[in-house]
Every structure is written in structure tokens, then in C-alpha cells.
């Protein structure tokens, strides 16, 4: 089990969570969007939330600003989080807009708020688990979307709740975070999503 746990840190790396949310929103959920529109949005999400961050990571690594994809040091997290904020703002203003994708818009808006809070905490020498921020936010989003559309996704929700625990165990096993940092990350993920939930349910 100890050898398997680190795998979940990569499978549920924060960089992949927006894509998982996108796939659920458009393909596993009762949606009325056309297939070309779905594919176009997925393409945009992949570029803005995966390809661009990876490109920025290599630039920062070349410049000696980060040393690994997990970015464990507090001092190394500030620039990536600032970049993440700008990319998310780009999404909610230009692509995942309120008039076209209201539920999805608020998911990313909650993610932006979580990122800003995580960034602010860094200036107080407090590190939050970004893995827990991401997986907990995704869990609340899918629960909310299931309620909103009156769809039964019990197995998926139960699996995600379980994955919150597995990801937390993975981060502990890799000695990437303390239990306090995991709890802070979990709270930073769910609270913004819950606060915005009533705006689209």
C-alpha cells in the first residue's frame, strides 16, 4: 500500500482536477451542449490549466525558481500560484463565462478564491496542501451539480469522498505535508465552493 499511495498524488495532482471537472460537467452529466462545443471547451481547459502551467513550470525550473512538480517549499509556491490566479481569471472572463456555463463558472471562481487564500497564507509562512484544495473542491462541485440536475451519482461521489482520504494519506506518506496543512487545504477547497453553491443551485 505504501508503494501505491504516491501514485494518487500524481493522479490527483491539482493540475489535472479542472480537466476531471470538465469531463464530468460535459460528458458524465446531463448537459445540453453540442459535442463540438464540449470538445472546444475541453481543448481550452487543457491548454490553460495543463499545457500553459507545464510550460511555466519548465521556465521557472530553468530559472531555478522551483525544483520539482510538487513545489514543496513555501518560497517556491508564490510565483506558480500567482500564475494560476491569472490563468483562472482568463478562464472565467473569456471562456467559462457566467452567461454560458454558470455552474462551471462558479466552480472556477471558487477555485480562484481558494488559490488567492493559499497564496495569502504563504506570506504568513503557512502552507496549504494544494492537492487537498483541488480534490475537495472537485468533490463539492460534483455533489452540487448532482443536486442541481437531480442526477444520481452516488458511486462517483462516494469514490471522491474516499479519494480525499487516499490523497491525504498519499501526501502524508510522501512526507509532503503535515496533518495541519492537509486540513487547511481541505478547508480552503470546500469553503469557497460551499459559499458560492447557493448562487447556482
C-alpha atoms as a PDB file:
ATOM      1  CA  UNK A   1       0.000   0.000   0.000  1.00  0.00           C
ATOM      2  CA  UNK A   2       2.862   2.388   0.777  1.00  0.00           C
ATOM      3  CA  UNK A   3       4.170   1.904  -2.753  1.00  0.00           C
ATOM      4  CA  UNK A   4       0.743   2.545  -4.279  1.00  0.00           C
ATOM      5  CA  UNK A   5      -0.196   5.674  -2.301  1.00  0.00           C
ATOM      6  CA  UNK A   6       2.247   8.079  -4.060  1.00  0.00           C
ATOM      7  CA  UNK A   7       0.538   7.230  -7.358  1.00  0.00           C
ATOM      8  CA  UNK A   8      -2.586   9.071  -6.175  1.00  0.00           C
ATOM      9  CA  UNK A   9      -0.581  12.252  -5.605  1.00  0.00           C
ATOM     10  CA  UNK A  10       0.146  12.272  -9.318  1.00  0.00           C
ATOM     11  CA  UNK A  11      -3.265  11.040 -10.469  1.00  0.00           C
ATOM     12  CA  UNK A  12      -4.994  13.793  -8.487  1.00  0.00           C
ATOM     13  CA  UNK A  13      -2.354  16.445  -8.944  1.00  0.00           C
ATOM     14  CA  UNK A  14      -4.069  19.888  -8.855  1.00  0.00           C
ATOM     15  CA  UNK A  15      -3.144  20.472 -12.482  1.00  0.00           C
ATOM     16  CA  UNK A  16      -5.483  17.661 -13.609  1.00  0.00           C
ATOM     17  CA  UNK A  17      -8.523  18.495 -11.462  1.00  0.00           C
ATOM     18  CA  UNK A  18     -10.010  21.134 -13.823  1.00  0.00           C
ATOM     19  CA  UNK A  19      -9.940  18.583 -16.651  1.00  0.00           C
ATOM     20  CA  UNK A  20     -11.680  15.976 -14.474  1.00  0.00           C
ATOM     21  CA  UNK A  21     -14.346  18.560 -13.580  1.00  0.00           C
ATOM     22  CA  UNK A  22     -14.733  19.461 -17.261  1.00  0.00           C
ATOM     23  CA  UNK A  23     -15.199  15.865 -18.353  1.00  0.00           C
ATOM     24  CA  UNK A  24     -17.855  15.314 -15.711  1.00  0.00           C
ATOM     25  CA  UNK A  25     -19.622  18.585 -16.465  1.00  0.00           C
ATOM     26  CA  UNK A  26     -19.898  17.926 -20.191  1.00  0.00           C
ATOM     27  CA  UNK A  27     -19.862  14.155 -20.658  1.00  0.00           C
ATOM     28  CA  UNK A  28     -20.934  12.321 -17.494  1.00  0.00           C
ATOM     29  CA  UNK A  29     -23.568  14.839 -16.518  1.00  0.00           C
ATOM     30  CA  UNK A  30     -26.914  15.594 -18.197  1.00  0.00           C
ATOM     31  CA  UNK A  31     -25.847  18.547 -20.351  1.00  0.00           C
ATOM     32  CA  UNK A  32     -27.468  20.163 -23.356  1.00  0.00           C
ATOM     33  CA  UNK A  33     -24.294  21.278 -25.103  1.00  0.00           C
ATOM     34  CA  UNK A  34     -23.391  20.070 -28.587  1.00  0.00           C
ATOM     35  CA  UNK A  35     -20.394  17.769 -28.969  1.00  0.00           C
ATOM     36  CA  UNK A  36     -18.307  20.324 -30.915  1.00  0.00           C
ATOM     37  CA  UNK A  37     -18.888  22.852 -28.124  1.00  0.00           C
ATOM     38  CA  UNK A  38     -17.890  20.284 -25.485  1.00  0.00           C
ATOM     39  CA  UNK A  39     -14.686  19.378 -27.305  1.00  0.00           C
ATOM     40  CA  UNK A  40     -13.808  23.023 -27.838  1.00  0.00           C
ATOM     41  CA  UNK A  41     -14.162  23.830 -24.133  1.00  0.00           C
ATOM     42  CA  UNK A  42     -12.171  20.736 -23.129  1.00  0.00           C
ATOM     43  CA  UNK A  43      -9.444  21.837 -25.551  1.00  0.00           C
ATOM     44  CA  UNK A  44      -9.338  25.295 -23.946  1.00  0.00           C
ATOM     45  CA  UNK A  45      -9.234  23.840 -20.428  1.00  0.00           C
ATOM     46  CA  UNK A  46      -6.370  21.506 -21.326  1.00  0.00           C
ATOM     47  CA  UNK A  47      -4.358  24.374 -22.806  1.00  0.00           C
ATOM     48  CA  UNK A  48      -4.954  26.865 -19.978  1.00  0.00           C
ATOM     49  CA  UNK A  49      -4.855  24.532 -16.970  1.00  0.00           C
ATOM     50  CA  UNK A  50      -2.285  21.936 -18.104  1.00  0.00           C
ATOM     51  CA  UNK A  51      -0.146  22.974 -21.060  1.00  0.00           C
ATOM     52  CA  UNK A  52       0.481  26.584 -20.034  1.00  0.00           C
ATOM     53  CA  UNK A  53       1.246  25.712 -16.371  1.00  0.00           C
ATOM     54  CA  UNK A  54       3.638  22.979 -17.536  1.00  0.00           C
ATOM     55  CA  UNK A  55       5.340  25.475 -19.835  1.00  0.00           C
ATOM     56  CA  UNK A  56       5.633  27.995 -16.989  1.00  0.00           C
ATOM     57  CA  UNK A  57       6.970  25.232 -14.733  1.00  0.00           C
ATOM     58  CA  UNK A  58       9.836  24.477 -17.102  1.00  0.00           C
ATOM     59  CA  UNK A  59      10.610  28.183 -17.410  1.00  0.00           C
ATOM     60  CA  UNK A  60      10.652  28.548 -13.621  1.00  0.00           C
ATOM     61  CA  UNK A  61      12.719  25.386 -13.214  1.00  0.00           C
ATOM     62  CA  UNK A  62      15.243  26.618 -15.747  1.00  0.00           C
ATOM     63  CA  UNK A  63      15.412  29.894 -13.822  1.00  0.00           C
ATOM     64  CA  UNK A  64      15.945  27.973 -10.571  1.00  0.00           C
ATOM     65  CA  UNK A  65      12.664  29.141  -9.028  1.00  0.00           C
ATOM     66  CA  UNK A  66      11.230  25.630  -8.493  1.00  0.00           C
ATOM     67  CA  UNK A  67      12.865  22.229  -8.085  1.00  0.00           C
ATOM     68  CA  UNK A  68      10.039  19.693  -8.592  1.00  0.00           C
ATOM     69  CA  UNK A  69       6.455  19.333  -9.789  1.00  0.00           C
ATOM     70  CA  UNK A  70       5.262  19.083  -6.184  1.00  0.00           C
ATOM     71  CA  UNK A  71       6.745  22.522  -5.285  1.00  0.00           C
ATOM     72  CA  UNK A  72       7.144  21.691  -1.615  1.00  0.00           C
ATOM     73  CA  UNK A  73       8.996  24.827  -0.475  1.00  0.00           C
ATOM     74  CA  UNK A  74       6.911  27.824   0.629  1.00  0.00           C
ATOM     75  CA  UNK A  75       9.249  30.255  -1.132  1.00  0.00           C
ATOM     76  CA  UNK A  76       8.786  28.411  -4.437  1.00  0.00           C
ATOM     77  CA  UNK A  77       4.982  28.422  -4.346  1.00  0.00           C
ATOM     78  CA  UNK A  78       4.266  32.127  -4.680  1.00  0.00           C
ATOM     79  CA  UNK A  79       5.025  32.614  -8.380  1.00  0.00           C
ATOM     80  CA  UNK A  80       3.166  29.448  -9.542  1.00  0.00           C
ATOM     81  CA  UNK A  81       0.101  30.459  -7.506  1.00  0.00           C
ATOM     82  CA  UNK A  82       0.153  33.976  -8.952  1.00  0.00           C
ATOM     83  CA  UNK A  83       0.353  32.475 -12.451  1.00  0.00           C
ATOM     84  CA  UNK A  84      -2.513  30.135 -11.567  1.00  0.00           C
ATOM     85  CA  UNK A  85      -4.619  33.103 -10.448  1.00  0.00           C
ATOM     86  CA  UNK A  86      -4.082  34.927 -13.743  1.00  0.00           C
ATOM     87  CA  UNK A  87      -4.856  31.830 -15.816  1.00  0.00           C
ATOM     88  CA  UNK A  88      -8.062  31.204 -13.857  1.00  0.00           C
ATOM     89  CA  UNK A  89      -9.113  34.840 -14.274  1.00  0.00           C
ATOM     90  CA  UNK A  90      -8.532  34.425 -18.010  1.00  0.00           C
ATOM     91  CA  UNK A  91     -10.827  31.392 -17.997  1.00  0.00           C
ATOM     92  CA  UNK A  92     -13.720  32.947 -16.073  1.00  0.00           C
ATOM     93  CA  UNK A  93     -13.589  36.191 -18.060  1.00  0.00           C
ATOM     94  CA  UNK A  94     -13.047  34.900 -21.584  1.00  0.00           C
ATOM     95  CA  UNK A  95     -14.071  31.247 -21.765  1.00  0.00           C
ATOM     96  CA  UNK A  96     -16.055  29.805 -18.858  1.00  0.00           C
ATOM     97  CA  UNK A  97     -18.357  32.804 -18.597  1.00  0.00           C
ATOM     98  CA  UNK A  98     -21.363  33.211 -16.315  1.00  0.00           C
ATOM     99  CA  UNK A  99     -23.876  33.520 -19.156  1.00  0.00           C
ATOM    100  CA  UNK A 100     -22.752  30.359 -20.966  1.00  0.00           C
ATOM    101  CA  UNK A 101     -21.653  27.971 -18.195  1.00  0.00           C
ATOM    102  CA  UNK A 102     -22.948  29.323 -14.847  1.00  0.00           C
ATOM    103  CA  UNK A 103     -22.297  26.190 -12.762  1.00  0.00           C
ATOM    104  CA  UNK A 104     -18.814  25.719 -14.177  1.00  0.00           C
ATOM    105  CA  UNK A 105     -18.087  29.443 -13.886  1.00  0.00           C
ATOM    106  CA  UNK A 106     -18.688  29.346 -10.138  1.00  0.00           C
ATOM    107  CA  UNK A 107     -16.522  26.228  -9.782  1.00  0.00           C
ATOM    108  CA  UNK A 108     -13.569  28.108 -11.254  1.00  0.00           C
ATOM    109  CA  UNK A 109     -14.459  31.232  -9.297  1.00  0.00           C
ATOM    110  CA  UNK A 110     -14.320  29.141  -6.120  1.00  0.00           C
ATOM    111  CA  UNK A 111     -11.010  27.717  -7.297  1.00  0.00           C
ATOM    112  CA  UNK A 112      -9.691  31.239  -7.819  1.00  0.00           C
ATOM    113  CA  UNK A 113     -10.706  32.220  -4.295  1.00  0.00           C
ATOM    114  CA  UNK A 114      -9.029  29.087  -2.895  1.00  0.00           C
ATOM    115  CA  UNK A 115      -5.836  29.901  -4.803  1.00  0.00           C
ATOM    116  CA  UNK A 116      -5.804  33.502  -3.559  1.00  0.00           C
ATOM    117  CA  UNK A 117      -6.287  32.337   0.038  1.00  0.00           C
ATOM    118  CA  UNK A 118      -3.497  29.763  -0.331  1.00  0.00           C
ATOM    119  CA  UNK A 119      -1.261  32.499  -1.715  1.00  0.00           C
ATOM    120  CA  UNK A 120      -2.071  34.865   1.168  1.00  0.00           C
ATOM    121  CA  UNK A 121      -1.273  32.137   3.708  1.00  0.00           C
ATOM    122  CA  UNK A 122       2.211  31.776   2.213  1.00  0.00           C
ATOM    123  CA  UNK A 123       3.039  35.293   3.389  1.00  0.00           C
ATOM    124  CA  UNK A 124       2.257  34.096   6.920  1.00  0.00           C
ATOM    125  CA  UNK A 125       4.602  31.116   6.446  1.00  0.00           C
ATOM    126  CA  UNK A 126       1.636  28.742   6.294  1.00  0.00           C
ATOM    127  CA  UNK A 127       1.461  26.106   3.583  1.00  0.00           C
ATOM    128  CA  UNK A 128      -1.805  24.513   2.483  1.00  0.00           C
ATOM    129  CA  UNK A 129      -1.982  21.222   0.625  1.00  0.00           C
ATOM    130  CA  UNK A 130      -2.953  22.167  -2.926  1.00  0.00           C
ATOM    131  CA  UNK A 131      -3.820  18.526  -3.576  1.00  0.00           C
ATOM    132  CA  UNK A 132      -6.452  18.692  -0.844  1.00  0.00           C
ATOM    133  CA  UNK A 133      -7.678  22.058  -2.103  1.00  0.00           C
ATOM    134  CA  UNK A 134      -8.244  20.567  -5.552  1.00  0.00           C
ATOM    135  CA  UNK A 135      -9.781  17.198  -4.669  1.00  0.00           C
ATOM    136  CA  UNK A 136     -12.114  18.642  -2.015  1.00  0.00           C
ATOM    137  CA  UNK A 137     -13.289  21.416  -4.383  1.00  0.00           C
ATOM    138  CA  UNK A 138     -13.988  18.838  -7.095  1.00  0.00           C
ATOM    139  CA  UNK A 139     -15.990  16.729  -4.626  1.00  0.00           C
ATOM    140  CA  UNK A 140     -18.213  19.658  -3.590  1.00  0.00           C
ATOM    141  CA  UNK A 141     -18.700  20.672  -7.230  1.00  0.00           C
ATOM    142  CA  UNK A 142     -19.877  17.222  -8.278  1.00  0.00           C
ATOM    143  CA  UNK A 143     -22.171  16.941  -5.245  1.00  0.00           C
ATOM    144  CA  UNK A 144     -23.643  20.359  -6.075  1.00  0.00           C
ATOM    145  CA  UNK A 145     -24.036  19.539  -9.760  1.00  0.00           C
ATOM    146  CA  UNK A 146     -25.767  16.267  -8.899  1.00  0.00           C
ATOM    147  CA  UNK A 147     -28.249  18.146  -6.698  1.00  0.00           C
ATOM    148  CA  UNK A 148     -28.683  20.895  -9.285  1.00  0.00           C
ATOM    149  CA  UNK A 149     -29.505  18.488 -12.119  1.00  0.00           C
ATOM    150  CA  UNK A 150     -31.270  15.901  -9.957  1.00  0.00           C
ATOM    151  CA  UNK A 151     -28.940  13.143 -11.158  1.00  0.00           C
ATOM    152  CA  UNK A 152     -27.792  10.120  -9.191  1.00  0.00           C
ATOM    153  CA  UNK A 153     -24.019   9.974  -8.952  1.00  0.00           C
ATOM    154  CA  UNK A 154     -23.800   8.155  -5.631  1.00  0.00           C
ATOM    155  CA  UNK A 155     -20.934   5.867  -6.634  1.00  0.00           C
ATOM    156  CA  UNK A 156     -18.879   8.712  -8.073  1.00  0.00           C
ATOM    157  CA  UNK A 157     -19.454  10.926  -5.029  1.00  0.00           C
ATOM    158  CA  UNK A 158     -18.610   8.093  -2.638  1.00  0.00           C
ATOM    159  CA  UNK A 159     -15.440   7.399  -4.639  1.00  0.00           C
ATOM    160  CA  UNK A 160     -14.423  11.051  -4.479  1.00  0.00           C
ATOM    161  CA  UNK A 161     -15.021  11.209  -0.730  1.00  0.00           C
ATOM    162  CA  UNK A 162     -12.791   8.136  -0.414  1.00  0.00           C
ATOM    163  CA  UNK A 163     -10.189   9.760  -2.678  1.00  0.00           C
ATOM    164  CA  UNK A 164      -9.999  12.742  -0.326  1.00  0.00           C
ATOM    165  CA  UNK A 165      -8.754  10.356   2.335  1.00  0.00           C
ATOM    166  CA  UNK A 166      -6.470   8.475  -0.053  1.00  0.00           C
ATOM    167  CA  UNK A 167      -4.875  11.675  -1.368  1.00  0.00           C
ATOM    168  CA  UNK A 168      -4.359  12.921   2.195  1.00  0.00           C
ATOM    169  CA  UNK A 169      -2.721   9.597   3.109  1.00  0.00           C
ATOM    170  CA  UNK A 170      -0.584   9.821  -0.019  1.00  0.00           C
ATOM    171  CA  UNK A 171       0.678  13.279   0.898  1.00  0.00           C
ATOM    172  CA  UNK A 172       1.498  12.091   4.412  1.00  0.00           C
ATOM    173  CA  UNK A 173       3.258   9.003   3.090  1.00  0.00           C
ATOM    174  CA  UNK A 174       5.384  11.176   0.796  1.00  0.00           C
ATOM    175  CA  UNK A 175       6.122  13.479   3.752  1.00  0.00           C
ATOM    176  CA  UNK A 176       4.941  16.400   1.627  1.00  0.00           C
ATOM    177  CA  UNK A 177       2.604  17.839   4.263  1.00  0.00           C
ATOM    178  CA  UNK A 178       1.745  17.790   7.929  1.00  0.00           C
ATOM    179  CA  UNK A 179      -1.807  16.882   9.050  1.00  0.00           C
ATOM    180  CA  UNK A 180      -2.405  20.597   9.753  1.00  0.00           C
ATOM    181  CA  UNK A 181      -1.510  21.538   6.174  1.00  0.00           C
ATOM    182  CA  UNK A 182      -3.850  18.857   4.846  1.00  0.00           C
ATOM    183  CA  UNK A 183      -6.732  20.168   6.963  1.00  0.00           C
ATOM    184  CA  UNK A 184      -6.052  23.740   5.847  1.00  0.00           C
ATOM    185  CA  UNK A 185      -6.019  22.614   2.219  1.00  0.00           C
ATOM    186  CA  UNK A 186      -9.260  20.683   2.673  1.00  0.00           C
ATOM    187  CA  UNK A 187     -10.978  23.720   4.195  1.00  0.00           C
ATOM    188  CA  UNK A 188      -9.629  26.071   1.513  1.00  0.00           C
ATOM    189  CA  UNK A 189     -11.088  23.751  -1.109  1.00  0.00           C
ATOM    190  CA  UNK A 190     -14.583  23.242   0.281  1.00  0.00           C
ATOM    191  CA  UNK A 191     -15.418  26.604   1.892  1.00  0.00           C
ATOM    192  CA  UNK A 192     -15.286  28.793  -1.264  1.00  0.00           C
ATOM    193  CA  UNK A 193     -17.263  26.156  -3.187  1.00  0.00           C
ATOM    194  CA  UNK A 194     -19.904  25.993  -0.444  1.00  0.00           C
ATOM    195  CA  UNK A 195     -20.121  29.789  -0.225  1.00  0.00           C
ATOM    196  CA  UNK A 196     -20.783  30.045  -3.975  1.00  0.00           C
ATOM    197  CA  UNK A 197     -23.040  26.986  -4.149  1.00  0.00           C
ATOM    198  CA  UNK A 198     -26.254  28.859  -3.374  1.00  0.00           C
ATOM    199  CA  UNK A 199     -25.662  31.146  -6.378  1.00  0.00           C
ATOM    200  CA  UNK A 200     -26.226  28.351  -8.887  1.00  0.00           C
ATOM    201  CA  UNK A 201     -28.110  25.526  -7.161  1.00  0.00           C
END
